């Protein structure tokens, strides 16, 4: 509990930093004000600091007092294009932008971990790479940081990588949860343009109306998922955007559809690519139309390593007690670009329940809602866990590897 006790001593500073980030959110890959706040919060620590060239990232390397490998800790920093409606005294001061997913908490936790680890630097048997990442929300900031060499920041590649993510709903408040294997879905974009021939709404037989065909595509895609996909290898397909026409009495020439497909295996991802393209084109042809279809693979499945996830559980238990960890029963259908890190380095993405104190996690506003609120009490929890994961993982490697440590 020593790390947690030290983290609680930082509580006021952590709350101040989190609220400063929350009040001044930024979206995407370019987060200059957020980057500045992080650099200021790390100032004075014995860190080797690098900033990104293509994005406002911060990479900080803490060299341990003893030789050893490296461990990577990730926190995402970007906000969402959401107008905040919480009414909090530290609500977003930027119209249309809000930290509605808790990334301000993640960033603050990692800053706290940097302070905790710096105080223990001489005892570390290796190095810690602190990855402050922009652009998690659909901009593939992890991919950009990989391209800029995040895994080589300390020299040899890290032996393990960990990230935390807070949730307001579905997770018991203050409880850490993780599972080995598929943890979050792969995400794929579907973009369809149905091309016909416009005309007057009073004479559809003289046009080639793409609207009915596009409507048929939406329902046929849903039916295809429910009738052709293995229920034990699930697929989620949603068409979230449907744009057609300009006036009620004009048959448009084109209809534009945009959707997302979530899968939990490469097999399902490849099957859906073939099936979606074939189905859409054949429906268009049946109506005497043409369809342009793009199926774009975005993030891969987030796969937690079995041994690293077992190590997370043992670390949570040792730091906070057995009651603070529960196995995650099933994968989440959301997607994470931390999946790109885990495809290169064994590690684990850990969930943390952060519903406001006293609130029912089954009824509060969820992540991405303009009403989303998070319990700042978890800031110390996250900082302590980040620090203990790095410290204990380096010690385990020094002692002869993770397997021998877990066997004890």
Protein backbone atom coordinates (compact mmCIF):
# COMPACT_ATOMS: atom_id res chain seq x y z
CA UNK A 1 0.00 0.00 0.00
CA UNK A 2 3.02 2.33 0.21
CA UNK A 3 2.63 3.46 -3.39
CA UNK A 4 -1.04 4.23 -2.90
CA UNK A 5 -0.32 6.17 0.27
CA UNK A 6 2.23 8.25 -1.63
CA UNK A 7 -0.31 8.75 -4.42
CA UNK A 8 -2.90 10.09 -1.97
CA UNK A 9 -0.37 12.71 -0.90
CA UNK A 10 -0.50 13.98 -4.50
CA UNK A 11 -4.29 14.14 -4.60
CA UNK A 12 -4.68 17.92 -4.56
CA UNK A 13 -2.11 18.35 -7.33
CA UNK A 14 -3.72 15.62 -9.41
CA UNK A 15 -7.21 17.10 -9.04
CA UNK A 16 -5.87 20.53 -10.01
CA UNK A 17 -4.19 19.14 -13.12
CA UNK A 18 -7.24 17.10 -14.14
CA UNK A 19 -9.53 20.10 -13.83
CA UNK A 20 -7.13 22.25 -15.81
CA UNK A 21 -7.16 19.67 -18.59
CA UNK A 22 -10.93 19.31 -18.41
CA UNK A 23 -11.55 23.04 -18.67
CA UNK A 24 -9.31 23.37 -21.73
CA UNK A 25 -9.91 20.29 -23.94
CA UNK A 26 -8.55 19.73 -27.45
CA UNK A 27 -9.50 17.28 -30.20
CA UNK A 28 -7.43 15.15 -32.53
CA UNK A 29 -3.69 14.90 -33.06
CA UNK A 30 -2.80 18.54 -32.47
CA UNK A 31 -3.11 19.31 -28.75
CA UNK A 32 -0.60 22.12 -28.10
CA UNK A 33 -2.18 23.43 -24.88
CA UNK A 34 -2.60 19.93 -23.46
CA UNK A 35 0.98 19.08 -24.36
CA UNK A 36 2.15 22.24 -22.61
CA UNK A 37 0.25 21.34 -19.43
CA UNK A 38 1.77 17.86 -19.40
CA UNK A 39 5.29 19.17 -19.94
CA UNK A 40 4.81 21.68 -17.16
CA UNK A 41 3.53 18.94 -14.82
CA UNK A 42 6.62 16.80 -15.59
CA UNK A 43 9.08 19.66 -15.24
CA UNK A 44 11.85 18.99 -12.75
CA UNK A 45 11.60 15.20 -12.90
CA UNK A 46 14.64 13.18 -14.09
CA UNK A 47 13.10 12.34 -17.45
CA UNK A 48 14.31 12.21 -21.03
CA UNK A 49 11.49 13.97 -22.87
CA UNK A 50 10.66 13.87 -26.57
CA UNK A 51 7.78 15.54 -28.38
CA UNK A 52 6.22 14.37 -31.62
CA UNK A 53 6.82 15.93 -35.00
CA UNK A 54 3.50 14.93 -36.62
CA UNK A 55 1.39 15.17 -33.47
CA UNK A 56 1.45 16.82 -30.04
CA UNK A 57 2.68 13.73 -28.24
CA UNK A 58 4.93 13.56 -25.19
CA UNK A 59 7.27 10.62 -24.64
CA UNK A 60 9.10 10.60 -21.31
CA UNK A 61 11.73 8.00 -20.43
CA UNK A 62 12.64 7.40 -16.80
CA UNK A 63 15.97 5.59 -16.43
CA UNK A 64 16.09 3.24 -13.47
CA UNK A 65 18.95 3.10 -11.05
CA UNK A 66 19.78 -0.46 -12.05
CA UNK A 67 20.11 -1.95 -15.54
CA UNK A 68 17.19 -3.83 -17.00
CA UNK A 69 14.49 -3.80 -19.67
CA UNK A 70 11.79 -1.20 -20.30
CA UNK A 71 8.07 -1.13 -19.54
CA UNK A 72 5.63 1.18 -21.37
CA UNK A 73 2.68 2.99 -19.77
CA UNK A 74 0.13 4.71 -22.06
CA UNK A 75 -2.36 7.51 -21.42
CA UNK A 76 -4.47 9.16 -24.13
CA UNK A 77 -4.93 12.95 -23.98
CA UNK A 78 -7.55 13.99 -26.56
CA UNK A 79 -11.14 15.08 -26.00
CA UNK A 80 -14.31 14.69 -28.08
CA UNK A 81 -16.35 17.09 -30.27
CA UNK A 82 -19.15 17.16 -27.67
CA UNK A 83 -20.79 20.17 -26.02
CA UNK A 84 -20.56 19.70 -22.25
CA UNK A 85 -23.79 19.90 -20.24
CA UNK A 86 -22.65 18.72 -16.81
CA UNK A 87 -22.81 22.14 -15.15
CA UNK A 88 -19.57 21.44 -13.27
CA UNK A 89 -17.65 24.47 -12.04
CA UNK A 90 -14.69 23.31 -14.14
CA UNK A 91 -16.72 22.54 -17.27
CA UNK A 92 -15.13 22.90 -20.68
CA UNK A 93 -14.49 26.49 -21.68
CA UNK A 94 -14.20 25.48 -25.33
CA UNK A 95 -17.57 25.35 -27.15
CA UNK A 96 -18.27 22.00 -28.75
CA UNK A 97 -15.33 20.19 -27.13
CA UNK A 98 -15.41 18.06 -23.95
CA UNK A 99 -13.39 15.44 -22.10
CA UNK A 100 -16.39 13.12 -22.21
CA UNK A 101 -14.38 9.88 -22.23
CA UNK A 102 -12.13 10.43 -19.23
CA UNK A 103 -8.86 10.96 -21.07
CA UNK A 104 -8.14 13.92 -18.78
CA UNK A 105 -8.14 11.42 -15.92
CA UNK A 106 -5.83 9.02 -17.78
CA UNK A 107 -3.33 11.79 -18.49
CA UNK A 108 -3.41 12.96 -14.88
CA UNK A 109 -2.92 9.42 -13.58
CA UNK A 110 0.17 8.94 -15.75
CA UNK A 111 1.61 12.26 -14.60
CA UNK A 112 1.05 11.08 -11.02
CA UNK A 113 2.79 7.80 -11.83
CA UNK A 114 5.76 9.73 -13.24
CA UNK A 115 6.18 11.49 -9.89
CA UNK A 116 5.80 8.26 -7.92
CA UNK A 117 8.28 6.40 -10.13
CA UNK A 118 10.80 9.26 -10.12
CA UNK A 119 10.87 9.08 -6.32
CA UNK A 120 11.72 5.36 -6.63
CA UNK A 121 14.08 5.70 -9.55
CA UNK A 122 17.13 4.24 -7.81
CA UNK A 123 15.20 1.05 -7.03
CA UNK A 124 13.96 0.47 -10.59
CA UNK A 125 15.59 -2.45 -12.39
CA UNK A 126 15.16 -0.94 -15.82
CA UNK A 127 13.44 1.95 -17.59
CA UNK A 128 9.87 3.21 -17.88
CA UNK A 129 8.48 4.77 -21.06
CA UNK A 130 5.60 7.16 -20.40
CA UNK A 131 3.46 7.51 -23.53
CA UNK A 132 1.19 10.57 -23.56
CA UNK A 133 -0.81 10.06 -26.74
CA UNK A 134 -3.07 12.41 -28.74
CA UNK A 135 -5.68 11.28 -31.23
CA UNK A 136 -7.10 8.12 -29.68
CA UNK A 137 -10.63 9.11 -30.71
CA UNK A 138 -10.55 7.97 -34.32
CA UNK A 139 -7.25 9.59 -35.35
CA UNK A 140 -4.90 6.64 -34.77
CA UNK A 141 -2.52 8.54 -32.56
CA UNK A 142 -0.97 5.25 -31.41
CA UNK A 143 -0.14 4.39 -35.00
CA UNK A 144 1.49 7.79 -35.46
CA UNK A 145 3.56 7.39 -32.30
CA UNK A 146 4.63 3.92 -33.42
CA UNK A 147 5.79 5.43 -36.70
CA UNK A 148 7.80 8.02 -34.76
CA UNK A 149 9.56 5.32 -32.73
CA UNK A 150 7.77 5.13 -29.37
CA UNK A 151 8.84 1.50 -28.92
CA UNK A 152 12.50 2.41 -29.39
CA UNK A 153 12.41 5.45 -27.07
CA UNK A 154 14.31 3.69 -24.27
CA UNK A 155 16.54 1.67 -26.59
CA UNK A 156 15.43 -1.99 -26.62
CA UNK A 157 11.70 -2.51 -27.08
CA UNK A 158 9.59 -2.71 -23.90
CA UNK A 159 8.92 -6.16 -22.47
CA UNK A 160 5.39 -5.13 -21.46
CA UNK A 161 2.85 -2.34 -22.04
CA UNK A 162 -0.14 -1.26 -19.95
CA UNK A 163 -2.96 1.26 -20.27
CA UNK A 164 -5.91 2.26 -18.10
CA UNK A 165 -9.38 3.35 -19.19
CA UNK A 166 -12.09 4.75 -16.92
CA UNK A 167 -15.79 4.05 -17.43
CA UNK A 168 -18.84 5.55 -15.75
CA UNK A 169 -21.26 2.73 -16.57
CA UNK A 170 -21.27 -1.08 -16.44
CA UNK A 171 -18.21 -1.23 -14.18
CA UNK A 172 -18.43 -1.20 -10.37
CA UNK A 173 -17.09 2.06 -9.00
CA UNK A 174 -13.45 1.81 -7.96
CA UNK A 175 -13.03 -1.72 -9.32
CA UNK A 176 -10.36 -2.67 -11.86
CA UNK A 177 -11.36 -5.17 -14.55
CA UNK A 178 -9.45 -6.98 -17.28
CA UNK A 179 -9.51 -10.16 -19.31
CA UNK A 180 -7.01 -12.05 -21.41
CA UNK A 181 -7.53 -12.43 -25.14
CA UNK A 182 -9.88 -10.24 -27.17
CA UNK A 183 -10.82 -7.26 -25.00
CA UNK A 184 -12.06 -4.62 -27.45
CA UNK A 185 -13.22 -4.93 -31.03
CA UNK A 186 -11.53 -4.26 -34.32
CA UNK A 187 -13.19 -1.37 -36.08
CA UNK A 188 -13.79 -1.07 -39.82
CA UNK A 189 -15.36 1.73 -41.84
CA UNK A 190 -17.96 1.12 -44.55
CA UNK A 191 -18.54 3.90 -47.09
CA UNK A 192 -21.10 3.38 -49.87
CA UNK A 193 -22.20 5.61 -52.72
CA UNK A 194 -25.26 4.36 -54.61
CA UNK A 195 -25.34 5.90 -58.07
CA UNK A 196 -28.50 6.19 -60.14
CA UNK A 197 -30.11 8.84 -62.31
CA UNK A 198 -32.00 11.77 -60.86
CA UNK A 199 -35.40 12.97 -61.96
CA UNK A 200 -38.77 14.38 -60.94
CA UNK A 201 -40.45 12.71 -57.97
CA UNK A 202 -43.73 12.54 -59.91
CA UNK A 203 -42.16 10.32 -62.57
CA UNK A 204 -39.85 7.79 -60.86
CA UNK A 205 -40.11 5.45 -63.86
CA UNK A 206 -38.09 7.98 -65.85
CA UNK A 207 -35.27 8.05 -63.29
CA UNK A 208 -33.13 5.47 -61.53
CA UNK A 209 -33.95 6.10 -57.90
CA UNK A 210 -31.09 5.15 -55.56
CA UNK A 211 -33.07 5.77 -52.35
CA UNK A 212 -35.10 2.50 -52.23
CA UNK A 213 -31.99 0.50 -53.10
CA UNK A 214 -30.02 2.21 -50.33
CA UNK A 215 -32.81 1.50 -47.84
CA UNK A 216 -32.78 -2.13 -48.90
CA UNK A 217 -29.01 -2.23 -48.37
CA UNK A 218 -29.36 -1.05 -44.76
CA UNK A 219 -31.89 -3.73 -43.84
CA UNK A 220 -30.13 -6.44 -45.86
CA UNK A 221 -26.83 -5.75 -44.12
CA UNK A 222 -28.47 -6.20 -40.71
CA UNK A 223 -30.11 -9.43 -41.84
CA UNK A 224 -26.84 -10.70 -43.25
CA UNK A 225 -25.12 -10.25 -39.87
CA UNK A 226 -27.85 -12.09 -37.98
CA UNK A 227 -28.06 -14.94 -40.50
CA UNK A 228 -24.50 -15.54 -41.71
CA UNK A 229 -22.20 -14.66 -38.79
CA UNK A 230 -21.19 -17.11 -36.09
CA UNK A 231 -22.87 -15.97 -32.85
CA UNK A 232 -19.76 -17.11 -30.96
CA UNK A 233 -17.57 -14.86 -33.13
CA UNK A 234 -19.80 -11.80 -32.97
CA UNK A 235 -20.12 -8.93 -35.43
CA UNK A 236 -21.78 -5.56 -34.89
CA UNK A 237 -22.73 -3.56 -37.99
CA UNK A 238 -24.31 -0.11 -37.80
CA UNK A 239 -25.11 2.34 -40.59
CA UNK A 240 -24.92 5.65 -38.77
CA UNK A 241 -25.15 8.09 -41.68
CA UNK A 242 -27.63 8.14 -44.60
CA UNK A 243 -27.65 11.17 -46.89
CA UNK A 244 -29.94 11.55 -49.90
CA UNK A 245 -31.59 14.34 -51.81
CA UNK A 246 -32.21 18.03 -51.43
CA UNK A 247 -35.99 18.44 -51.85
CA UNK A 248 -39.11 16.33 -51.45
CA UNK A 249 -39.96 16.42 -55.17
CA UNK A 250 -36.50 15.62 -56.54
CA UNK A 251 -35.15 12.09 -57.02
CA UNK A 252 -31.43 12.37 -56.23
CA UNK A 253 -28.72 10.95 -58.41
CA UNK A 254 -26.77 9.49 -55.48
CA UNK A 255 -27.17 8.28 -51.91
CA UNK A 256 -24.29 8.19 -49.43
CA UNK A 257 -24.13 5.63 -46.60
CA UNK A 258 -21.52 5.48 -43.83
CA UNK A 259 -21.25 2.74 -41.25
CA UNK A 260 -19.03 0.87 -38.84
CA UNK A 261 -18.35 -2.84 -38.45
CA UNK A 262 -16.97 -4.25 -35.17
CA UNK A 263 -15.36 -7.70 -35.12
CA UNK A 264 -13.35 -9.77 -32.64
CA UNK A 265 -11.28 -11.91 -34.98
CA UNK A 266 -9.32 -11.52 -38.20
CA UNK A 267 -11.47 -14.26 -39.72
CA UNK A 268 -14.69 -12.34 -39.06
CA UNK A 269 -13.12 -9.10 -40.24
CA UNK A 270 -12.08 -10.61 -43.58
CA UNK A 271 -15.45 -12.35 -44.05
CA UNK A 272 -17.31 -9.10 -43.43
CA UNK A 273 -15.19 -7.22 -45.93
CA UNK A 274 -16.06 -9.68 -48.68
CA UNK A 275 -19.71 -10.03 -47.64
CA UNK A 276 -20.48 -6.30 -47.32
CA UNK A 277 -18.94 -5.39 -50.67
CA UNK A 278 -20.66 -8.26 -52.49
CA UNK A 279 -24.09 -7.65 -50.97
CA UNK A 280 -24.12 -3.91 -51.64
CA UNK A 281 -22.99 -4.28 -55.24
CA UNK A 282 -25.49 -7.02 -56.00
CA UNK A 283 -28.42 -5.06 -54.55
CA UNK A 284 -27.42 -2.06 -56.63
CA UNK A 285 -27.20 -4.22 -59.75
CA UNK A 286 -30.63 -5.71 -59.07
CA UNK A 287 -32.05 -2.17 -59.20
CA UNK A 288 -30.14 -1.28 -62.35
CA UNK A 289 -27.80 0.96 -60.35
CA UNK A 290 -24.13 1.08 -59.51
CA UNK A 291 -22.50 1.12 -56.07
CA UNK A 292 -19.05 2.26 -55.04
CA UNK A 293 -18.04 0.51 -51.81
CA UNK A 294 -15.05 1.07 -49.54
CA UNK A 295 -14.40 -1.26 -46.60
CA UNK A 296 -11.51 0.22 -44.61
CA UNK A 297 -9.84 -1.67 -41.78
CA UNK A 298 -9.05 0.77 -38.97
CA UNK A 299 -7.94 -0.57 -35.59
CA UNK A 300 -7.20 -4.25 -34.97
CA UNK A 301 -8.71 -6.27 -32.12
CA UNK A 302 -7.33 -5.25 -28.72
CA UNK A 303 -5.79 -8.48 -27.44
CA UNK A 304 -4.58 -8.68 -23.84
CA UNK A 305 -1.73 -11.06 -23.16
CA UNK A 306 -2.71 -13.87 -20.78
CA UNK A 307 0.35 -13.68 -18.51
CA UNK A 308 0.42 -9.88 -18.43
CA UNK A 309 -3.27 -9.79 -17.49
CA UNK A 310 -2.66 -12.30 -14.71
CA UNK A 311 0.15 -10.02 -13.58
CA UNK A 312 -2.25 -7.04 -13.58
CA UNK A 313 -4.61 -8.99 -11.36
CA UNK A 314 -1.86 -9.90 -8.89
CA UNK A 315 -0.66 -6.28 -8.81
CA UNK A 316 -4.15 -4.88 -8.16
CA UNK A 317 -4.68 -7.47 -5.43
CA UNK A 318 -1.37 -6.66 -3.75
CA UNK A 319 -1.84 -2.89 -3.99
CA UNK A 320 -5.55 -2.55 -3.20
CA UNK A 321 -6.87 -5.94 -2.06
CA UNK A 322 -8.72 -8.78 -3.78
CA UNK A 323 -12.06 -6.94 -3.71
CA UNK A 324 -10.72 -4.31 -6.11
CA UNK A 325 -10.29 -6.65 -9.09
CA UNK A 326 -12.89 -8.55 -11.11
CA UNK A 327 -12.43 -10.48 -14.34
CA UNK A 328 -14.02 -8.79 -17.36
CA UNK A 329 -16.65 -11.28 -18.49
CA UNK A 330 -16.69 -10.47 -22.19
CA UNK A 331 -15.02 -8.13 -24.71
CA UNK A 332 -16.31 -4.62 -25.30
CA UNK A 333 -17.57 -3.62 -28.73
CA UNK A 334 -15.74 -0.31 -28.58
CA UNK A 335 -12.33 -0.04 -30.25
CA UNK A 336 -8.94 1.20 -29.02
CA UNK A 337 -5.80 2.18 -30.89
CA UNK A 338 -3.78 0.84 -27.94
CA UNK A 339 -4.46 -2.38 -29.85
CA UNK A 340 -1.58 -1.34 -32.12
CA UNK A 341 0.82 -1.30 -29.15
CA UNK A 342 -0.45 -4.66 -27.90
CA UNK A 343 0.07 -6.14 -31.37
CA UNK A 344 3.78 -5.34 -30.94
CA UNK A 345 4.34 -5.78 -27.20
CA UNK A 346 2.63 -8.14 -24.72
CA UNK A 347 0.54 -6.20 -22.26
CA UNK A 348 -2.93 -5.41 -20.98
CA UNK A 349 -5.63 -2.76 -21.23
CA UNK A 350 -7.26 -2.38 -17.80
CA UNK A 351 -10.73 -0.92 -17.14
CA UNK A 352 -11.57 1.10 -14.02
CA UNK A 353 -15.05 1.95 -12.79
CA UNK A 354 -15.27 5.69 -12.20
CA UNK A 355 -18.94 6.53 -11.69
CA UNK A 356 -19.42 9.62 -9.49
CA UNK A 357 -19.32 8.86 -5.79
CA UNK A 358 -22.67 7.54 -4.55
CA UNK A 359 -24.10 7.19 -8.07
CA UNK A 360 -25.49 3.99 -9.56
CA UNK A 361 -23.20 2.88 -12.45
CA UNK A 362 -26.22 1.37 -14.20
CA UNK A 363 -28.04 4.69 -14.50
CA UNK A 364 -25.42 7.46 -14.79
CA UNK A 365 -24.52 9.11 -18.09
CA UNK A 366 -22.04 6.97 -19.98
CA UNK A 367 -18.74 7.80 -21.65
CA UNK A 368 -19.14 10.14 -24.65
CA UNK A 369 -22.30 11.67 -23.18
CA UNK A 370 -22.40 15.48 -22.74
CA UNK A 371 -23.51 14.72 -19.15
CA UNK A 372 -20.65 12.30 -18.35
CA UNK A 373 -19.04 12.84 -14.94
CA UNK A 374 -16.19 10.89 -13.35
CA UNK A 375 -15.12 10.31 -9.76
CA UNK A 376 -11.86 12.16 -9.17
CA UNK A 377 -11.16 9.75 -6.32
CA UNK A 378 -9.82 7.25 -8.85
CA UNK A 379 -6.95 9.56 -9.83
CA UNK A 380 -4.82 8.26 -6.98
CA UNK A 381 -5.86 4.67 -7.73
CA UNK A 382 -4.77 4.94 -11.35
CA UNK A 383 -1.49 6.69 -10.55
CA UNK A 384 -0.61 4.04 -7.96
CA UNK A 385 -1.49 1.15 -10.25
CA UNK A 386 0.51 2.56 -13.17
CA UNK A 387 3.53 2.97 -10.87
CA UNK A 388 3.22 -0.46 -9.29
CA UNK A 389 2.75 -2.19 -12.64
CA UNK A 390 6.01 -0.71 -13.88
CA UNK A 391 7.94 -1.28 -10.65
CA UNK A 392 6.79 -4.86 -10.11
CA UNK A 393 7.10 -5.83 -13.78
CA UNK A 394 10.71 -4.65 -13.94
CA UNK A 395 11.43 -6.46 -10.67
CA UNK A 396 9.84 -9.63 -12.07
CA UNK A 397 12.01 -9.49 -15.17
CA UNK A 398 15.09 -8.94 -13.04
CA UNK A 399 14.12 -11.94 -10.88
CA UNK A 400 14.02 -14.28 -13.84
CA UNK A 401 10.83 -13.51 -15.74
CA UNK A 402 7.11 -13.08 -15.27
CA UNK A 403 6.28 -16.80 -15.17
CA UNK A 404 8.40 -17.43 -12.09
CA UNK A 405 6.90 -14.42 -10.34
CA UNK A 406 3.31 -15.51 -10.98
CA UNK A 407 4.13 -19.02 -9.83
CA UNK A 408 5.23 -17.81 -6.41
